[in-house]
Amino acid sequence: YAQVNKAWYRLKQAGKIAHDDLVERLSEAGYTKAPLVEGYFRHNTRNIDFTLVVDDFLIKYTREDDLQHLRDAIGKYYTFKVDTEAKQYVGIHLTWDYIDRTVRMSMDGYIEQALLEFEHSPPSKPHYAPSRYMMPQFGASVQYVHVDTTAILGTDKINFIQKVVGKLLYYARAVDPTMLHAINDIALQASKGTEATLDAVMYLLNYAHTNPNSEVIYRASDMILHVDSDAAYLVAPEARSRAGGYQYLSNADGSLFNGPVLVLAKVIKNVMASATEAELAALFMNGQEAVA
């Protein structure tokens, strides 16, 4: 295990050095990193910018001359391929419509492959929600937190839960944010998983089977950031609440609903004394994210 761990560390360090080396050489050609947004670069004088994930570029430009400048800057040191149709980026399929000014993002086949990997059988009936609904006690003067009393899982099942979380998290962040709150809840309980945690995982996989090919549509806009913030009080273990947020780019008058640039689905660290406090905490967390 120690040998594997050292090898992984060397690979990680080599990747970081290679990435830092690429960033330095881009800087020499006039491409600088944005101060707040990680992985976003723009040229000092030319109308060209791009995002960079490891060694994968997604470039926005208006003149062929600017694109050629970037290709020349990279080509001095590296061999690379250019897809001017931009059909795929970091594993995400992109379908562009330059007339309606939209792009559709999907990851076709990802869920099918994941379900095969986990040997998950189709559910007997469709699952239209990523997690089970916990009905509150309407009219009660005190809402008691739910306590999980089910049996602790063995190491093999805990490893299975962690694999599912790791596999679905990228997909959820990229094209299906409806999964995020369920994945967040499961991830917090994964290391000390119980039968209830495993049941939540199977429910999520049933939801993925019912909705295997999600798609997000982004529309051209005035790029005014809108933030919808919400909170769910006393729904998480240890009497904690969950913050939710949907951040998207719209028009100045707010008339355009768009695909998200960020979906927040996190458990609030502190215990909130009321639903009002939970709402304020969610507003604060969304504000922090909105800065970048």
Protein backbone atom coordinates (compact mmCIF):
# COMPACT_ATOMS: atom_id res chain seq x y z
CA TYR A 1 0.00 0.00 0.00
CA ALA A 2 2.83 2.39 0.89
CA GLN A 3 4.48 1.78 -2.49
CA VAL A 4 1.22 2.46 -4.32
CA ASN A 5 0.66 5.59 -2.23
CA LYS A 6 4.16 6.90 -3.02
CA ALA A 7 3.63 6.20 -6.73
CA TRP A 8 0.33 8.10 -6.63
CA TYR A 9 2.03 11.01 -4.87
CA ARG A 10 4.77 11.10 -7.53
CA LEU A 11 2.16 11.10 -10.28
CA LYS A 12 0.25 13.88 -8.54
CA GLN A 13 3.40 15.95 -8.13
CA ALA A 14 4.39 15.32 -11.77
CA GLY A 15 0.94 16.44 -12.91
CA LYS A 16 1.15 19.61 -10.82
CA ILE A 17 4.62 20.42 -12.17
CA ALA A 18 3.44 19.85 -15.76
CA HIS A 19 0.38 22.04 -15.18
CA ASP A 20 2.43 24.81 -13.54
CA ASP A 21 4.92 24.64 -16.40
CA LEU A 22 2.10 25.07 -18.93
CA VAL A 23 0.69 28.04 -17.00
CA GLU A 24 4.13 29.70 -16.93
CA ARG A 25 4.58 29.30 -20.68
CA LEU A 26 1.10 30.69 -21.34
CA SER A 27 2.01 33.68 -19.19
CA GLU A 28 5.04 34.32 -21.39
CA ALA A 29 2.67 34.61 -24.37
CA GLY A 30 0.42 37.14 -22.59
CA TYR A 31 -2.23 34.80 -21.14
CA THR A 32 -2.92 35.47 -17.47
CA LYS A 33 -5.08 33.71 -14.90
CA ALA A 34 -8.21 35.43 -13.64
CA PRO A 35 -7.80 36.53 -10.01
CA LEU A 36 -10.96 34.86 -8.65
CA VAL A 37 -12.05 32.09 -11.04
CA GLU A 38 -9.83 29.02 -10.92
CA GLY A 39 -8.73 27.71 -14.32
CA TYR A 40 -9.90 30.77 -16.30
CA PHE A 41 -7.41 32.65 -18.51
CA ARG A 42 -7.57 35.69 -20.78
CA HIS A 43 -5.06 37.43 -23.01
CA ASN A 44 -3.78 40.82 -21.98
CA THR A 45 -4.59 42.51 -25.32
CA ARG A 46 -6.29 39.98 -27.62
CA ASN A 47 -10.03 39.11 -27.55
CA ILE A 48 -9.52 35.48 -26.60
CA ASP A 49 -10.01 33.61 -23.34
CA PHE A 50 -10.29 29.99 -22.24
CA THR A 51 -10.72 27.58 -19.36
CA LEU A 52 -8.00 25.05 -18.62
CA VAL A 53 -8.53 21.75 -16.77
CA VAL A 54 -5.19 19.91 -16.47
CA ASP A 55 -4.33 19.96 -20.21
CA ASP A 56 -7.81 20.37 -21.71
CA PHE A 57 -8.74 23.79 -23.16
CA LEU A 58 -12.14 25.28 -23.99
CA ILE A 59 -11.51 28.46 -25.99
CA LYS A 60 -13.70 31.47 -26.83
CA TYR A 61 -12.47 33.64 -29.67
CA THR A 62 -13.83 35.81 -32.49
CA ARG A 63 -10.84 36.02 -34.86
CA GLU A 64 -8.89 33.15 -36.39
CA ASP A 65 -5.72 35.17 -35.88
CA ASP A 66 -6.22 35.08 -32.10
CA LEU A 67 -6.78 31.33 -32.11
CA GLN A 68 -3.64 30.87 -34.17
CA HIS A 69 -1.70 32.96 -31.66
CA LEU A 70 -2.72 30.57 -28.85
CA ARG A 71 -1.93 27.53 -31.00
CA ASP A 72 1.52 28.91 -31.75
CA ALA A 73 2.15 29.67 -28.07
CA ILE A 74 1.31 26.09 -27.05
CA GLY A 75 2.83 24.46 -30.13
CA LYS A 76 6.34 25.63 -29.22
CA TYR A 77 6.38 23.13 -26.37
CA TYR A 78 3.57 20.58 -26.75
CA THR A 79 1.85 18.33 -29.27
CA PHE A 80 -1.92 18.73 -29.23
CA LYS A 81 -5.14 18.33 -31.20
CA VAL A 82 -7.66 21.07 -32.01
CA ASP A 83 -11.41 20.46 -32.42
CA THR A 84 -12.88 23.72 -33.70
CA GLU A 85 -16.41 22.30 -33.33
CA ALA A 86 -15.84 21.83 -29.58
CA LYS A 87 -17.89 18.64 -29.41
CA GLN A 88 -16.48 17.48 -26.08
CA TYR A 89 -14.75 18.96 -23.04
CA VAL A 90 -13.60 17.18 -19.85
CA GLY A 91 -15.87 14.24 -20.66
CA ILE A 92 -18.93 16.41 -21.32
CA HIS A 93 -20.64 16.33 -24.72
CA LEU A 94 -21.44 19.79 -26.13
CA THR A 95 -24.10 20.46 -28.77
CA TRP A 96 -23.95 24.04 -30.05
CA ASP A 97 -26.77 25.97 -31.74
CA TYR A 98 -25.39 29.28 -33.00
CA ILE A 99 -28.79 30.42 -34.36
CA ASP A 100 -30.76 30.03 -31.12
CA ARG A 101 -27.54 30.74 -29.18
CA THR A 102 -27.68 27.71 -26.92
CA VAL A 103 -25.41 24.86 -25.90
CA ARG A 104 -26.64 21.51 -24.58
CA MET A 105 -24.42 19.61 -22.16
CA SER A 106 -24.76 15.87 -21.62
CA MET A 107 -22.76 12.77 -20.71
CA ASP A 108 -24.51 10.11 -22.78
CA GLY A 109 -23.78 6.57 -21.68
CA TYR A 110 -22.12 7.55 -18.38
CA ILE A 111 -24.96 6.33 -16.16
CA GLU A 112 -25.43 3.11 -18.14
CA GLN A 113 -21.74 2.33 -17.68
CA ALA A 114 -21.90 3.17 -13.96
CA LEU A 115 -24.92 0.91 -13.38
CA LEU A 116 -23.12 -1.95 -15.12
CA GLU A 117 -20.02 -1.31 -13.02
CA PHE A 118 -22.07 -1.49 -9.81
CA GLU A 119 -24.13 -4.47 -11.10
CA HIS A 120 -27.30 -2.58 -10.23
CA SER A 121 -30.56 -4.22 -11.32
CA PRO A 122 -33.39 -2.11 -12.78
CA PRO A 123 -35.97 -1.03 -10.18
CA SER A 124 -39.42 -2.60 -10.20
CA LYS A 125 -40.94 0.87 -10.66
CA PRO A 126 -39.54 4.27 -11.70
CA HIS A 127 -37.96 6.50 -9.06
CA TYR A 128 -38.65 10.17 -9.76
CA ALA A 129 -36.74 11.62 -6.79
CA PRO A 130 -33.09 11.09 -5.81
CA SER A 131 -33.91 10.43 -2.13
CA ARG A 132 -36.79 9.27 0.02
CA TYR A 133 -39.29 11.84 1.27
CA MET A 134 -39.27 12.31 5.03
CA MET A 135 -42.70 13.65 6.00
CA PRO A 136 -42.63 16.27 8.77
CA GLN A 137 -45.10 16.16 11.64
CA PHE A 138 -47.41 18.94 10.54
CA GLY A 139 -48.93 20.88 13.43
CA ALA A 140 -46.44 19.63 16.02
CA SER A 141 -45.03 22.30 18.34
CA VAL A 142 -41.61 20.58 18.28
CA GLN A 143 -39.97 18.96 15.25
CA TYR A 144 -37.66 16.18 16.40
CA VAL A 145 -34.61 15.25 14.37
CA HIS A 146 -34.58 11.81 12.74
CA VAL A 147 -32.15 9.37 14.40
CA ASP A 148 -30.68 6.49 12.38
CA THR A 149 -30.75 3.31 14.50
CA THR A 150 -30.02 0.79 11.73
CA ALA A 151 -27.05 -1.59 11.81
CA ILE A 152 -23.48 -0.49 10.98
CA LEU A 153 -22.14 -1.75 7.64
CA GLY A 154 -19.03 -3.81 6.98
CA THR A 155 -15.96 -2.48 5.19
CA ASP A 156 -16.93 -3.92 1.78
CA LYS A 157 -20.30 -2.17 1.75
CA ILE A 158 -18.77 1.10 2.95
CA ASN A 159 -16.27 0.89 0.08
CA PHE A 160 -19.18 0.31 -2.29
CA ILE A 161 -20.93 3.44 -1.02
CA GLN A 162 -17.78 5.51 -1.46
CA LYS A 163 -17.34 4.24 -5.03
CA VAL A 164 -20.91 5.20 -5.92
CA VAL A 165 -20.44 8.71 -4.47
CA GLY A 166 -17.19 9.17 -6.38
CA LYS A 167 -18.69 7.94 -9.63
CA LEU A 168 -21.87 10.02 -9.53
CA LEU A 169 -20.47 13.25 -8.08
CA TYR A 170 -18.84 14.48 -11.30
CA TYR A 171 -21.92 13.58 -13.34
CA ALA A 172 -24.14 15.45 -10.87
CA ARG A 173 -21.93 18.55 -10.91
CA ALA A 174 -21.70 18.52 -14.69
CA VAL A 175 -25.20 17.72 -15.98
CA ASP A 176 -27.59 16.55 -13.23
CA PRO A 177 -27.56 18.78 -10.13
CA THR A 178 -30.80 17.19 -8.88
CA MET A 179 -28.59 14.43 -7.42
CA LEU A 180 -26.37 16.74 -5.39
CA HIS A 181 -28.30 16.93 -2.12
CA ALA A 182 -28.65 13.13 -1.98
CA ILE A 183 -24.94 12.63 -2.76
CA ASN A 184 -24.00 15.20 -0.10
CA ASP A 185 -26.08 13.41 2.54
CA ILE A 186 -24.64 10.01 1.62
CA ALA A 187 -21.06 11.30 1.51
CA LEU A 188 -21.34 12.71 5.06
CA GLN A 189 -22.41 9.30 6.35
CA ALA A 190 -20.25 7.10 4.12
CA SER A 191 -17.32 6.50 6.50
CA LYS A 192 -19.68 5.25 9.24
CA GLY A 193 -22.33 3.88 6.94
CA THR A 194 -25.43 2.07 8.15
CA GLU A 195 -28.13 0.02 6.48
CA ALA A 196 -30.07 3.28 6.05
CA THR A 197 -27.10 4.79 4.18
CA LEU A 198 -26.95 1.78 1.86
CA ASP A 199 -30.70 2.06 1.29
CA ALA A 200 -30.21 5.72 0.31
CA VAL A 201 -27.50 4.68 -2.16
CA MET A 202 -29.74 2.05 -3.77
CA TYR A 203 -32.56 4.61 -3.99
CA LEU A 204 -30.20 7.06 -5.72
CA LEU A 205 -29.07 4.38 -8.19
CA ASN A 206 -32.73 3.62 -8.95
CA TYR A 207 -33.23 7.33 -9.65
CA ALA A 208 -30.19 7.31 -11.95
CA HIS A 209 -31.62 4.29 -13.79
CA THR A 210 -34.94 6.12 -14.25
CA ASN A 211 -33.15 9.27 -15.53
CA PRO A 212 -30.03 7.97 -17.33
CA ASN A 213 -29.30 10.81 -19.75
CA SER A 214 -29.78 14.21 -18.16
CA GLU A 215 -29.06 17.35 -20.12
CA VAL A 216 -28.46 20.98 -19.19
CA ILE A 217 -29.22 23.82 -21.62
CA TYR A 218 -27.36 27.14 -21.43
CA ARG A 219 -28.73 30.15 -23.29
CA ALA A 220 -26.88 33.31 -24.27
CA SER A 221 -27.78 36.14 -21.89
CA ASP A 222 -26.71 39.52 -20.53
CA MET A 223 -24.65 37.49 -18.02
CA ILE A 224 -26.21 39.06 -14.93
CA LEU A 225 -25.69 36.65 -12.03
CA HIS A 226 -28.91 35.68 -10.25
CA VAL A 227 -28.88 33.68 -7.02
CA ASP A 228 -31.84 31.77 -5.58
CA SER A 229 -31.18 30.78 -1.96
CA ASP A 230 -33.12 28.44 0.31
CA ALA A 231 -32.69 26.22 3.35
CA ALA A 232 -34.24 23.07 4.79
CA TYR A 233 -34.43 23.20 8.57
CA LEU A 234 -33.53 20.23 10.79
CA VAL A 235 -33.29 17.66 7.97
CA ALA A 236 -29.70 16.44 8.42
CA PRO A 237 -28.09 14.25 11.11
CA GLU A 238 -27.07 15.84 14.42
CA ALA A 239 -29.93 18.37 14.24
CA ARG A 240 -28.39 20.27 11.36
CA SER A 241 -29.98 21.99 8.39
CA ARG A 242 -29.21 22.05 4.67
CA ALA A 243 -28.40 25.11 2.54
CA GLY A 244 -29.52 25.18 -1.08
CA GLY A 245 -28.70 27.58 -3.88
CA TYR A 246 -29.22 27.91 -7.62
CA GLN A 247 -26.92 30.42 -9.32
CA TYR A 248 -27.42 31.22 -13.00
CA LEU A 249 -26.76 33.90 -15.63
CA SER A 250 -29.78 35.84 -16.83
CA ASN A 251 -30.82 39.09 -18.45
CA ALA A 252 -30.85 42.42 -16.64
CA ASP A 253 -34.64 42.21 -16.19
CA GLY A 254 -34.45 38.62 -14.88
CA SER A 255 -36.69 37.30 -17.66
CA LEU A 256 -34.39 34.47 -18.76
CA PHE A 257 -34.10 31.26 -16.74
CA ASN A 258 -30.88 29.43 -17.47
CA GLY A 259 -28.82 26.38 -16.69
CA PRO A 260 -26.87 26.73 -13.43
CA VAL A 261 -23.29 27.93 -13.15
CA LEU A 262 -23.40 26.59 -9.59
CA VAL A 263 -25.79 24.54 -7.47
CA LEU A 264 -25.20 24.66 -3.72
CA ALA A 265 -26.31 21.61 -1.70
CA LYS A 266 -24.47 21.53 1.62
CA VAL A 267 -25.24 20.77 5.22
CA ILE A 268 -24.82 23.86 7.40
CA LYS A 269 -21.98 23.17 9.81
CA ASN A 270 -23.51 24.85 12.88
CA VAL A 271 -26.83 23.85 14.45
CA MET A 272 -29.45 26.45 13.56
CA ALA A 273 -31.93 27.56 16.22
CA SER A 274 -34.75 28.22 13.76
CA ALA A 275 -35.76 28.08 10.11
CA THR A 276 -34.99 31.81 9.91
CA GLU A 277 -31.41 31.22 11.04
CA ALA A 278 -31.05 28.44 8.48
CA GLU A 279 -32.26 30.79 5.73
CA LEU A 280 -29.73 33.45 6.77
CA ALA A 281 -26.90 30.90 6.87
CA ALA A 282 -27.84 29.73 3.36
CA LEU A 283 -27.83 33.33 2.12
CA PHE A 284 -24.36 33.83 3.56
CA MET A 285 -23.01 30.62 1.97
CA ASN A 286 -24.50 31.52 -1.42
CA GLY A 287 -23.01 35.00 -1.14
CA GLN A 288 -19.56 33.51 -0.54
CA GLU A 289 -19.89 31.33 -3.65
CA ALA A 290 -21.27 34.19 -5.75
CA VAL A 291 -18.15 36.33 -5.26
CA ALA A 292 -16.06 34.21 -7.65
